[in-house]
Protein backbone atom coordinates (compact mmCIF):
# COMPACT_ATOMS: atom_id res chain seq x y z
CA MET A 1 6.34 17.68 -47.76
CA GLN A 2 5.20 21.16 -46.75
CA THR A 3 2.20 19.68 -44.96
CA ILE A 4 4.39 17.39 -42.87
CA ILE A 5 6.68 20.26 -41.90
CA PHE A 6 3.70 22.45 -41.01
CA LEU A 7 2.14 19.69 -38.88
CA LEU A 8 5.45 19.11 -37.11
CA ILE A 9 5.81 22.80 -36.31
CA ALA A 10 2.20 23.01 -35.09
CA PHE A 11 2.72 19.92 -32.92
CA LEU A 12 5.88 21.37 -31.35
CA ILE A 13 4.15 24.69 -30.67
CA ALA A 14 1.26 22.86 -28.97
CA ILE A 15 3.60 20.78 -26.79
CA PHE A 16 5.68 23.77 -25.69
CA SER A 17 2.60 25.90 -24.95
CA VAL A 18 1.19 23.15 -22.68
CA LEU A 19 4.53 22.90 -20.88
CA LEU A 20 4.64 26.67 -20.44
CA TYR A 21 1.08 26.64 -19.05
CA PHE A 22 1.96 24.06 -16.37
CA LYS A 23 5.19 25.88 -15.51
CA THR A 24 3.39 29.20 -14.91
CA LYS A 25 0.63 27.44 -12.97
CA ASN A 26 3.18 25.83 -10.65
CA SER A 27 5.08 29.09 -10.20
CA ARG A 28 1.85 30.91 -9.23
CA LEU A 29 1.08 28.16 -6.70
CA ASN A 30 4.57 28.46 -5.22
CA THR A 31 4.19 32.24 -4.84
CA PHE A 32 0.86 31.74 -3.07
CA LEU A 33 2.40 29.15 -0.75
CA SER A 34 5.27 31.51 0.06
CA GLY A 35 2.80 34.19 1.17
CA GLU A 36 3.07 36.56 -1.79
CA CYS A 37 0.33 37.65 -4.17
CA PRO A 38 1.35 37.08 -7.82
CA SER A 39 -0.89 39.92 -9.01
CA CYS A 40 -0.06 42.86 -6.71
CA LYS A 41 3.28 41.48 -5.39
CA GLU A 42 2.26 42.19 -1.78
CA LYS A 43 4.08 40.07 0.83
CA ARG A 44 3.29 39.10 4.39
CA LYS A 45 4.27 41.68 6.97
CA THR A 46 6.24 40.90 10.12
CA PHE A 47 6.19 43.09 13.21
CA PHE A 48 8.36 42.77 16.31
CA ASP A 49 7.25 43.99 19.73
CA LYS A 50 10.31 44.95 21.79
CA ASN A 51 8.41 45.06 25.08
CA THR A 52 7.24 41.45 24.98
CA ASN A 53 9.85 40.08 22.51
CA THR A 54 7.08 38.73 20.30
CA THR A 55 6.98 38.55 16.52
CA PHE A 56 3.62 39.09 14.81
CA THR A 57 2.88 38.29 11.17
CA SER A 58 0.09 39.78 9.10
CA GLU A 59 -0.81 37.35 6.33
CA ILE A 60 -1.88 38.88 3.02
CA ILE A 61 -3.04 35.53 1.54
CA ASN A 62 -5.97 33.58 2.98
CA SER A 63 -6.24 29.91 2.09
CA ARG A 64 -9.41 27.84 2.36
CA VAL A 65 -9.89 24.13 1.62
CA LEU A 66 -12.73 23.69 -0.86
CA LYS A 67 -12.64 19.93 -1.41
CA ASN A 68 -10.61 17.22 0.24
CA HIS A 69 -10.73 13.95 -1.68
CA GLY A 70 -9.28 11.71 1.01
CA CYS A 71 -5.87 10.19 1.59
CA SER A 72 -4.86 9.49 -1.98
CA GLY A 73 -6.83 12.27 -3.64
CA VAL A 74 -6.23 15.90 -4.44
CA THR A 75 -7.02 18.75 -2.07
CA GLU A 76 -8.48 21.82 -3.78
CA VAL A 77 -7.46 25.05 -2.02
CA GLU A 78 -8.76 28.57 -2.71
CA PHE A 79 -6.24 31.37 -2.22
CA THR A 80 -7.55 34.91 -1.68
CA CYS A 81 -5.50 38.12 -1.53
CA LYS A 82 -6.66 40.66 1.06
CA ASN A 83 -5.07 43.56 -0.81
CA CYS A 84 -6.31 43.20 -4.40
CA GLY A 85 -9.08 40.60 -3.99
CA LEU A 86 -7.52 38.02 -6.31
CA LYS A 87 -9.06 34.53 -5.98
CA GLU A 88 -7.54 31.39 -7.45
CA VAL A 89 -8.21 27.70 -6.88
CA HIS A 90 -5.27 25.29 -7.05
CA PRO A 91 -5.14 21.50 -6.54
CA ILE A 92 -2.51 20.31 -4.08
CA ASN A 93 -1.46 16.66 -3.98
CA SER A 94 -1.77 15.01 -0.60
CA SER A 95 0.57 12.04 -0.36
CA SER A 96 -0.34 10.68 3.07
CA CYS A 97 -3.00 10.65 5.75
CA ASN A 98 -2.37 12.04 9.19
């Protein structure tokens, strides 16, 4: 009986840790896509020129496509922070071809 309870607890811990991993991975991807570095918390900067009425943005995150697997495949994108040098690769689902 103790073995069954122990296995059940270990199974639940494994399931919840996998769910937590995917949740944090998706939240890091969303912060990269919003233009913020998850490590140093630096955000994109916006400047406004009053003389020409133009808004300039200075991006802190660079994104580069590493692999594109076609219309129904996954696109692998590398995100790089200019401030702290953080590099992460995330797969992004592409649902259609343009």
